[in-house]
């Protein structure tokens, strides 16, 4: 019904930057929340940054001041600008979308690796 296409992951050195994007397509009539979660090996998946339809954001404390989330409602796309990356940011990053209907979707995940 809804497909999420992620891009922008990769390998960077500590202090570098990456910009993730996630575009939703399919049977979309309205998106409530869009954002990003991540999961490192051996750890639980955690919220990184999400943004609501109205523009309210919720961010993981450890990324505040370094990551910035934004969305383009017309394009059903969410972005995550990641600056000053640290090795501890290494994880698989998953796009998350919650529709106004209450149904949610996950992207396939994109690997972000930050070398020390």
C-alpha atoms as a PDB file:
ATOM      1  CA  UNK A   1       0.000   0.000   0.000  1.00  0.00           C
ATOM      2  CA  UNK A   2       2.736   2.431   0.997  1.00  0.00           C
ATOM      3  CA  UNK A   3       6.379   2.182   0.102  1.00  0.00           C
ATOM      4  CA  UNK A   4       9.212   4.097   1.723  1.00  0.00           C
ATOM      5  CA  UNK A   5      12.364   4.691  -0.278  1.00  0.00           C
ATOM      6  CA  UNK A   6      15.394   5.718   1.729  1.00  0.00           C
ATOM      7  CA  UNK A   7      18.662   7.145   0.506  1.00  0.00           C
ATOM      8  CA  UNK A   8      21.726   8.962   1.758  1.00  0.00           C
ATOM      9  CA  UNK A   9      23.393   6.437   4.019  1.00  0.00           C
ATOM     10  CA  UNK A  10      27.036   5.572   3.743  1.00  0.00           C
ATOM     11  CA  UNK A  11      30.456   5.592   5.332  1.00  0.00           C
ATOM     12  CA  UNK A  12      31.895   8.822   6.693  1.00  0.00           C
ATOM     13  CA  UNK A  13      34.653   9.904   9.028  1.00  0.00           C
ATOM     14  CA  UNK A  14      33.925  11.301  12.450  1.00  0.00           C
ATOM     15  CA  UNK A  15      32.940  14.925  12.144  1.00  0.00           C
ATOM     16  CA  UNK A  16      31.493  14.443   8.701  1.00  0.00           C
ATOM     17  CA  UNK A  17      27.956  14.877   7.448  1.00  0.00           C
ATOM     18  CA  UNK A  18      25.262  12.894   5.732  1.00  0.00           C
ATOM     19  CA  UNK A  19      21.775  13.745   4.576  1.00  0.00           C
ATOM     20  CA  UNK A  20      19.155  11.035   4.663  1.00  0.00           C
ATOM     21  CA  UNK A  21      15.943  11.211   2.720  1.00  0.00           C
ATOM     22  CA  UNK A  22      12.814   9.115   2.723  1.00  0.00           C
ATOM     23  CA  UNK A  23      10.047   9.405   0.175  1.00  0.00           C
ATOM     24  CA  UNK A  24       6.675   7.788   0.718  1.00  0.00           C
ATOM     25  CA  UNK A  25       4.541   6.667  -2.173  1.00  0.00           C
ATOM     26  CA  UNK A  26       1.365   4.699  -2.696  1.00  0.00           C
ATOM     27  CA  UNK A  27      -2.041   4.994  -1.094  1.00  0.00           C
ATOM     28  CA  UNK A  28      -1.341   8.090   0.952  1.00  0.00           C
ATOM     29  CA  UNK A  29      -4.125  10.400   1.974  1.00  0.00           C
ATOM     30  CA  UNK A  30      -2.294  12.169   4.741  1.00  0.00           C
ATOM     31  CA  UNK A  31       0.747  11.704   6.921  1.00  0.00           C
ATOM     32  CA  UNK A  32       0.680  12.367  10.630  1.00  0.00           C
ATOM     33  CA  UNK A  33       4.285  11.676  11.601  1.00  0.00           C
ATOM     34  CA  UNK A  34       7.470  11.088   9.643  1.00  0.00           C
ATOM     35  CA  UNK A  35      10.925  10.492  10.929  1.00  0.00           C
ATOM     36  CA  UNK A  36      13.846   8.276  11.712  1.00  0.00           C
ATOM     37  CA  UNK A  37      14.743   5.506  14.104  1.00  0.00           C
ATOM     38  CA  UNK A  38      18.025   3.657  14.329  1.00  0.00           C
ATOM     39  CA  UNK A  39      19.308   0.348  15.579  1.00  0.00           C
ATOM     40  CA  UNK A  40      22.905  -0.479  16.369  1.00  0.00           C
ATOM     41  CA  UNK A  41      24.123  -4.074  16.648  1.00  0.00           C
ATOM     42  CA  UNK A  42      23.010  -5.645  19.896  1.00  0.00           C
ATOM     43  CA  UNK A  43      20.859  -2.678  20.855  1.00  0.00           C
ATOM     44  CA  UNK A  44      17.191  -1.788  20.758  1.00  0.00           C
ATOM     45  CA  UNK A  45      15.754   0.358  18.035  1.00  0.00           C
ATOM     46  CA  UNK A  46      15.500   3.944  19.228  1.00  0.00           C
ATOM     47  CA  UNK A  47      13.845   7.110  18.057  1.00  0.00           C
ATOM     48  CA  UNK A  48      16.279   9.554  16.508  1.00  0.00           C
ATOM     49  CA  UNK A  49      14.097  12.356  15.254  1.00  0.00           C
ATOM     50  CA  UNK A  50      10.489  12.666  14.151  1.00  0.00           C
ATOM     51  CA  UNK A  51       8.330  15.508  12.938  1.00  0.00           C
ATOM     52  CA  UNK A  52       4.556  15.822  12.964  1.00  0.00           C
ATOM     53  CA  UNK A  53       2.301  17.206  10.294  1.00  0.00           C
ATOM     54  CA  UNK A  54       2.153  20.434  12.259  1.00  0.00           C
ATOM     55  CA  UNK A  55       5.923  20.739  12.528  1.00  0.00           C
ATOM     56  CA  UNK A  56       6.479  19.583  16.094  1.00  0.00           C
ATOM     57  CA  UNK A  57       9.702  17.628  16.524  1.00  0.00           C
ATOM     58  CA  UNK A  58      10.947  15.047  18.976  1.00  0.00           C
ATOM     59  CA  UNK A  59      14.649  14.272  19.087  1.00  0.00           C
ATOM     60  CA  UNK A  60      17.012  11.888  20.791  1.00  0.00           C
ATOM     61  CA  UNK A  61      19.019  13.861  23.333  1.00  0.00           C
ATOM     62  CA  UNK A  62      22.361  12.718  21.967  1.00  0.00           C
ATOM     63  CA  UNK A  63      21.667  14.148  18.498  1.00  0.00           C
ATOM     64  CA  UNK A  64      20.266  17.516  19.512  1.00  0.00           C
ATOM     65  CA  UNK A  65      22.286  20.306  17.992  1.00  0.00           C
ATOM     66  CA  UNK A  66      23.778  17.972  15.385  1.00  0.00           C
ATOM     67  CA  UNK A  67      20.829  16.520  13.474  1.00  0.00           C
ATOM     68  CA  UNK A  68      18.038  18.479  11.854  1.00  0.00           C
ATOM     69  CA  UNK A  69      14.829  16.961  10.565  1.00  0.00           C
ATOM     70  CA  UNK A  70      12.600  18.526   7.948  1.00  0.00           C
ATOM     71  CA  UNK A  71       9.750  17.464   5.716  1.00  0.00           C
ATOM     72  CA  UNK A  72       8.159  18.392   2.453  1.00  0.00           C
ATOM     73  CA  UNK A  73       4.487  17.571   2.781  1.00  0.00           C
ATOM     74  CA  UNK A  74       3.834  18.116  -0.915  1.00  0.00           C
ATOM     75  CA  UNK A  75       6.419  15.468  -1.780  1.00  0.00           C
ATOM     76  CA  UNK A  76       5.666  13.150   1.158  1.00  0.00           C
ATOM     77  CA  UNK A  77       9.344  13.249   1.956  1.00  0.00           C
ATOM     78  CA  UNK A  78      11.311  13.588   5.173  1.00  0.00           C
ATOM     79  CA  UNK A  79      14.972  14.523   5.487  1.00  0.00           C
ATOM     80  CA  UNK A  80      17.554  14.164   8.205  1.00  0.00           C
ATOM     81  CA  UNK A  81      20.612  16.363   7.989  1.00  0.00           C
ATOM     82  CA  UNK A  82      23.291  14.781  10.159  1.00  0.00           C
ATOM     83  CA  UNK A  83      26.305  16.891  11.038  1.00  0.00           C
ATOM     84  CA  UNK A  84      29.252  16.336  13.350  1.00  0.00           C
ATOM     85  CA  UNK A  85      28.772  12.605  13.129  1.00  0.00           C
ATOM     86  CA  UNK A  86      30.277  10.416  15.807  1.00  0.00           C
ATOM     87  CA  UNK A  87      31.192   6.720  15.801  1.00  0.00           C
ATOM     88  CA  UNK A  88      28.340   6.094  18.216  1.00  0.00           C
ATOM     89  CA  UNK A  89      25.936   7.233  15.499  1.00  0.00           C
ATOM     90  CA  UNK A  90      26.780   4.081  13.566  1.00  0.00           C
ATOM     91  CA  UNK A  91      23.578   2.123  13.042  1.00  0.00           C
ATOM     92  CA  UNK A  92      20.953   1.117  10.553  1.00  0.00           C
ATOM     93  CA  UNK A  93      18.601   4.043  10.159  1.00  0.00           C
ATOM     94  CA  UNK A  94      14.947   3.318   9.453  1.00  0.00           C
ATOM     95  CA  UNK A  95      12.414   5.698   8.032  1.00  0.00           C
ATOM     96  CA  UNK A  96       9.083   5.704   9.844  1.00  0.00           C
ATOM     97  CA  UNK A  97       5.738   7.005   8.654  1.00  0.00           C
ATOM     98  CA  UNK A  98       2.459   7.180  10.539  1.00  0.00           C
ATOM     99  CA  UNK A  99      -0.541   7.953   8.377  1.00  0.00           C
ATOM    100  CA  UNK A 100      -3.554   9.915   9.521  1.00  0.00           C
ATOM    101  CA  UNK A 101      -5.496   6.657   9.299  1.00  0.00           C
ATOM    102  CA  UNK A 102      -3.364   5.210  12.073  1.00  0.00           C
ATOM    103  CA  UNK A 103      -1.466   2.752   9.916  1.00  0.00           C
ATOM    104  CA  UNK A 104       2.302   2.931  10.099  1.00  0.00           C
ATOM    105  CA  UNK A 105       5.155   1.843   7.866  1.00  0.00           C
ATOM    106  CA  UNK A 106       8.861   1.198   8.111  1.00  0.00           C
ATOM    107  CA  UNK A 107      11.553   1.610   5.520  1.00  0.00           C
ATOM    108  CA  UNK A 108      14.007  -1.164   4.764  1.00  0.00           C
ATOM    109  CA  UNK A 109      16.816   0.646   6.556  1.00  0.00           C
ATOM    110  CA  UNK A 110      19.967   2.357   5.379  1.00  0.00           C
ATOM    111  CA  UNK A 111      23.376   1.796   6.922  1.00  0.00           C
ATOM    112  CA  UNK A 112      25.244   4.723   8.424  1.00  0.00           C
ATOM    113  CA  UNK A 113      28.799   3.993   9.470  1.00  0.00           C
ATOM    114  CA  UNK A 114      31.018   6.583  11.124  1.00  0.00           C
ATOM    115  CA  UNK A 115      34.688   5.764  11.437  1.00  0.00           C
ATOM    116  CA  UNK A 116      36.826   7.035  14.290  1.00  0.00           C
END
